[in-house]
N, C-alpha and C. Protein backbone atom coordinates (compact mmCIF):
# COMPACT_ATOMS: atom_id res chain seq x y z
N MET A 1 -17.87 -63.24 -35.45
CA MET A 1 -17.97 -63.36 -34.07
C MET A 1 -16.99 -62.69 -33.22
N ASP A 2 -17.21 -62.06 -31.71
CA ASP A 2 -16.47 -61.42 -31.02
C ASP A 2 -15.22 -61.99 -30.67
N HIS A 3 -14.54 -61.43 -29.84
CA HIS A 3 -13.46 -61.58 -29.89
C HIS A 3 -13.25 -62.74 -28.95
N GLN A 4 -13.84 -62.63 -27.55
CA GLN A 4 -14.52 -63.54 -26.45
C GLN A 4 -15.15 -64.97 -27.13
N SER A 5 -15.70 -64.81 -28.13
CA SER A 5 -16.14 -66.04 -28.69
C SER A 5 -14.99 -67.06 -29.94
N GLN A 6 -14.37 -65.79 -29.88
CA GLN A 6 -12.53 -66.53 -30.86
C GLN A 6 -12.21 -67.24 -30.30
N LEU A 7 -11.76 -66.29 -28.62
CA LEU A 7 -10.90 -66.92 -27.83
C LEU A 7 -11.33 -68.41 -27.12
N GLN A 8 -12.58 -68.64 -26.60
CA GLN A 8 -13.07 -69.55 -26.94
C GLN A 8 -13.06 -70.96 -27.32
N SER A 9 -13.87 -70.45 -28.82
CA SER A 9 -13.33 -71.29 -30.03
C SER A 9 -11.98 -72.36 -29.77
N ILE A 10 -11.01 -71.17 -29.66
CA ILE A 10 -9.57 -72.18 -29.41
C ILE A 10 -8.97 -72.85 -28.70
N ARG A 11 -9.82 -72.21 -26.84
CA ARG A 11 -9.28 -72.83 -26.01
C ARG A 11 -9.98 -74.39 -25.95
N THR A 12 -11.19 -73.99 -26.48
CA THR A 12 -12.28 -75.34 -26.99
C THR A 12 -11.22 -76.50 -27.26
N LEU A 13 -10.82 -76.23 -28.40
CA LEU A 13 -9.96 -77.49 -29.36
C LEU A 13 -8.99 -77.27 -28.88
N LEU A 14 -7.79 -76.69 -28.09
CA LEU A 14 -6.96 -77.09 -27.44
C LEU A 14 -7.20 -78.21 -26.59
N LEU A 15 -7.96 -77.77 -26.10
CA LEU A 15 -8.28 -78.59 -24.61
C LEU A 15 -8.93 -80.01 -25.38
N ALA A 16 -9.55 -80.43 -26.77
CA ALA A 16 -9.92 -81.31 -27.15
C ALA A 16 -8.91 -81.99 -28.05
N GLU A 17 -7.73 -80.94 -28.80
CA GLU A 17 -6.98 -81.70 -29.25
C GLU A 17 -5.83 -81.55 -29.01
N TRP A 18 -5.18 -80.88 -28.39
CA TRP A 18 -4.06 -81.05 -27.83
C TRP A 18 -3.41 -81.36 -26.64
N ASP A 19 -4.06 -80.22 -25.42
CA ASP A 19 -3.67 -80.51 -24.22
C ASP A 19 -2.52 -81.61 -23.59
N PRO A 20 -1.15 -81.18 -23.77
CA PRO A 20 -0.01 -81.68 -23.71
C PRO A 20 0.12 -81.88 -22.05
N ILE A 21 -0.51 -81.39 -21.31
CA ILE A 21 -0.66 -82.28 -19.74
C ILE A 21 -1.51 -82.68 -19.80
N GLY A 22 -2.44 -82.84 -20.10
CA GLY A 22 -4.19 -83.85 -19.71
C GLY A 22 -4.41 -83.10 -18.93
N VAL A 23 -5.33 -82.31 -19.20
CA VAL A 23 -6.18 -81.23 -18.16
C VAL A 23 -7.51 -81.40 -18.47
N ARG A 24 -8.17 -81.67 -19.88
CA ARG A 24 -9.29 -82.07 -20.21
C ARG A 24 -10.57 -82.10 -19.59
N GLU A 25 -10.05 -82.93 -18.72
CA GLU A 25 -11.47 -83.80 -17.44
C GLU A 25 -11.36 -82.48 -16.65
N GLU A 26 -10.46 -81.69 -15.84
CA GLU A 26 -10.34 -81.17 -15.07
C GLU A 26 -10.59 -79.88 -14.92
N ALA A 27 -12.01 -80.14 -14.40
CA ALA A 27 -13.07 -78.75 -14.26
C ALA A 27 -12.05 -77.48 -14.19
N ALA A 28 -11.63 -77.88 -12.96
CA ALA A 28 -10.63 -76.60 -12.29
C ALA A 28 -9.55 -76.00 -13.02
N ALA A 29 -9.18 -76.45 -14.13
CA ALA A 29 -8.07 -76.36 -15.26
C ALA A 29 -8.32 -76.06 -16.72
N GLN A 30 -9.47 -75.70 -16.50
CA GLN A 30 -10.01 -75.68 -18.23
C GLN A 30 -9.51 -74.20 -18.35
N ASP A 31 -8.77 -73.31 -17.96
CA ASP A 31 -8.06 -72.23 -18.22
C ASP A 31 -6.44 -72.26 -18.46
N GLU A 32 -6.07 -73.49 -18.17
CA GLU A 32 -5.25 -73.90 -17.68
C GLU A 32 -3.99 -73.51 -19.37
N TYR A 33 -4.78 -73.45 -20.45
CA TYR A 33 -4.17 -73.05 -21.71
C TYR A 33 -4.51 -71.58 -21.89
N ASP A 34 -5.21 -71.07 -21.21
CA ASP A 34 -5.29 -69.73 -21.91
C ASP A 34 -4.40 -68.31 -21.81
N ARG A 35 -3.24 -68.64 -21.32
CA ARG A 35 -2.17 -67.72 -21.51
C ARG A 35 -1.55 -67.40 -23.05
N TYR A 36 -1.56 -68.82 -24.12
CA TYR A 36 -1.56 -68.60 -25.24
C TYR A 36 -2.79 -68.53 -26.53
N LEU A 37 -3.68 -68.34 -25.98
CA LEU A 37 -4.55 -68.16 -26.71
C LEU A 37 -4.55 -66.54 -27.56
N PRO A 38 -4.40 -65.67 -27.06
CA PRO A 38 -3.89 -64.26 -27.52
C PRO A 38 -3.01 -64.36 -29.36
N THR A 39 -1.96 -65.08 -28.43
CA THR A 39 -0.78 -65.61 -29.56
C THR A 39 -1.91 -66.22 -31.15
N ILE A 40 -2.26 -67.01 -30.67
CA ILE A 40 -2.70 -67.87 -31.11
C ILE A 40 -3.63 -67.31 -32.13
N LEU A 41 -4.54 -66.73 -31.78
CA LEU A 41 -5.66 -65.96 -32.32
C LEU A 41 -4.66 -65.23 -33.44
N GLY A 42 -3.61 -64.10 -33.21
CA GLY A 42 -3.11 -63.05 -33.43
C GLY A 42 -2.15 -63.83 -35.06
N LEU A 43 -1.83 -65.29 -34.87
CA LEU A 43 -1.61 -65.79 -36.10
C LEU A 43 -2.38 -65.82 -36.96
N LEU A 44 -3.74 -66.61 -36.09
CA LEU A 44 -5.06 -66.88 -37.51
C LEU A 44 -4.95 -65.56 -37.93
N GLN A 45 -4.98 -64.40 -37.26
CA GLN A 45 -5.76 -63.30 -38.23
C GLN A 45 -4.80 -62.85 -39.06
N ARG A 46 -3.26 -63.56 -38.87
CA ARG A 46 -2.03 -63.10 -40.06
C ARG A 46 -2.15 -63.90 -40.98
N HIS A 47 -3.26 -65.04 -40.65
CA HIS A 47 -3.26 -65.91 -41.64
C HIS A 47 -1.84 -66.80 -42.23
N THR A 48 -1.33 -67.15 -40.78
CA THR A 48 -0.26 -68.12 -40.75
C THR A 48 -0.61 -69.49 -41.38
N SER A 49 1.05 -70.25 -41.81
CA SER A 49 0.26 -71.39 -42.27
C SER A 49 0.61 -72.43 -41.27
N ALA A 50 0.25 -73.44 -41.08
CA ALA A 50 0.08 -74.57 -40.41
C ALA A 50 1.47 -74.79 -39.48
N SER A 51 2.55 -74.76 -40.47
CA SER A 51 3.75 -74.99 -39.64
C SER A 51 3.92 -74.15 -38.82
N VAL A 52 4.18 -72.88 -38.94
CA VAL A 52 4.32 -71.73 -38.19
C VAL A 52 3.51 -72.11 -36.70
N LEU A 53 2.18 -72.45 -36.81
CA LEU A 53 1.13 -72.73 -36.11
C LEU A 53 2.05 -73.70 -34.89
N ALA A 54 1.94 -75.13 -35.58
CA ALA A 54 2.73 -76.49 -35.06
C ALA A 54 3.93 -75.32 -34.40
N LYS A 55 4.84 -74.90 -34.89
CA LYS A 55 5.99 -74.67 -34.13
C LYS A 55 5.88 -73.86 -33.02
N TYR A 56 4.80 -72.95 -33.09
CA TYR A 56 4.75 -72.19 -31.89
C TYR A 56 4.19 -73.25 -30.69
N LEU A 57 3.19 -74.43 -30.91
CA LEU A 57 2.33 -74.71 -29.91
C LEU A 57 3.95 -76.27 -29.89
N GLY A 58 4.47 -76.08 -30.30
CA GLY A 58 5.58 -77.24 -29.93
C GLY A 58 6.75 -76.67 -29.36
N ASP A 59 6.65 -75.19 -29.59
CA ASP A 59 7.87 -74.64 -28.63
C ASP A 59 7.07 -74.25 -26.96
N VAL A 60 5.84 -74.41 -26.98
CA VAL A 60 5.10 -73.71 -25.62
C VAL A 60 5.13 -75.51 -25.14
N ALA A 61 4.60 -76.02 -25.51
CA ALA A 61 4.53 -77.62 -24.87
C ALA A 61 6.27 -77.82 -24.35
N THR A 62 7.52 -77.39 -25.09
CA THR A 62 9.06 -77.87 -24.60
C THR A 62 9.49 -76.92 -24.02
N MET A 63 9.28 -75.04 -24.40
CA MET A 63 10.44 -74.45 -24.01
C MET A 63 9.56 -73.92 -22.73
N GLU A 64 7.79 -73.98 -22.70
CA GLU A 64 7.13 -73.33 -21.49
C GLU A 64 6.79 -74.37 -20.41
N MET A 65 6.76 -75.60 -20.91
CA MET A 65 5.68 -76.58 -20.36
C MET A 65 6.81 -77.77 -20.02
N GLY A 66 8.27 -77.74 -20.48
CA GLY A 66 9.28 -78.67 -20.02
C GLY A 66 9.25 -80.06 -20.51
N LEU A 67 7.79 -80.00 -21.75
CA LEU A 67 7.65 -81.63 -22.34
C LEU A 67 8.47 -81.94 -23.37
N VAL A 68 8.12 -83.32 -23.97
CA VAL A 68 9.08 -83.67 -24.75
C VAL A 68 7.61 -82.89 -26.03
N GLY A 69 8.07 -82.59 -26.85
CA GLY A 69 7.41 -82.19 -28.26
C GLY A 69 6.39 -83.59 -28.94
N VAL A 70 5.47 -83.35 -29.53
CA VAL A 70 4.86 -84.46 -30.27
C VAL A 70 4.24 -83.60 -31.29
N GLU A 71 5.22 -83.82 -32.47
CA GLU A 71 4.94 -82.94 -33.55
C GLU A 71 4.15 -83.11 -33.94
N GLN A 72 3.30 -84.40 -34.71
CA GLN A 72 2.21 -84.90 -35.13
C GLN A 72 1.29 -84.62 -34.55
N ARG A 73 1.45 -84.41 -32.92
CA ARG A 73 -0.17 -83.71 -32.56
C ARG A 73 -0.30 -82.21 -32.84
N ASP A 74 0.75 -81.39 -32.69
CA ASP A 74 1.01 -80.08 -33.11
C ASP A 74 0.61 -79.70 -34.23
N ARG A 75 1.19 -80.56 -35.43
CA ARG A 75 0.74 -80.43 -36.53
C ARG A 75 -0.84 -80.25 -36.83
N ALA A 76 -1.64 -81.53 -36.00
CA ALA A 76 -2.96 -81.94 -36.60
C ALA A 76 -3.49 -80.68 -35.59
N THR A 77 -2.98 -80.51 -34.57
CA THR A 77 -3.96 -79.04 -33.60
C THR A 77 -3.86 -77.85 -34.89
N ALA A 78 -3.06 -77.52 -35.27
CA ALA A 78 -2.57 -76.19 -36.11
C ALA A 78 -3.98 -76.24 -37.34
N GLU A 79 -3.55 -77.37 -38.11
CA GLU A 79 -4.75 -77.63 -39.14
C GLU A 79 -5.82 -77.77 -38.64
N SER A 80 -6.13 -77.56 -37.26
CA SER A 80 -7.77 -78.24 -37.00
C SER A 80 -7.73 -76.32 -36.78
N LEU A 81 -6.60 -75.56 -35.90
CA LEU A 81 -6.75 -74.28 -36.10
C LEU A 81 -6.88 -73.16 -37.27
N LEU A 82 -6.52 -73.72 -38.05
CA LEU A 82 -6.53 -73.26 -39.36
C LEU A 82 -7.99 -73.31 -40.01
N ARG A 83 -8.97 -74.48 -39.43
CA ARG A 83 -10.51 -74.72 -39.92
C ARG A 83 -11.46 -74.19 -39.25
N LEU A 84 -11.00 -73.11 -38.09
CA LEU A 84 -11.83 -72.54 -37.11
C LEU A 84 -12.09 -71.19 -38.22
N ARG A 85 -13.57 -71.18 -37.92
CA ARG A 85 -14.39 -70.44 -38.48
C ARG A 85 -14.48 -68.80 -37.35
N LEU A 86 -13.46 -68.07 -37.66
CA LEU A 86 -13.28 -66.52 -36.70
C LEU A 86 -13.86 -65.93 -37.12
N THR A 87 -14.20 -65.62 -38.06
CA THR A 87 -14.86 -64.64 -38.66
C THR A 87 -16.14 -63.92 -38.21
């Protein structure tokens, strides 16, 4: 899978499962989480744990977006990210 396809897979998953600001149905906002995709891909390529991925997602939601974290959602998304076949 090439780099762009990997990023697209992560984008699709974030919109479907994580989506803390609720933009999955907004066609004009499908790129809302794109700035986080390279970091997530890097974490996945380094075979990081679900806990580290979940913490990253939680930090993005709370520190970057100013939202209340949802630990269960972050953990479930992290586990789904780890199941992606990105190679």
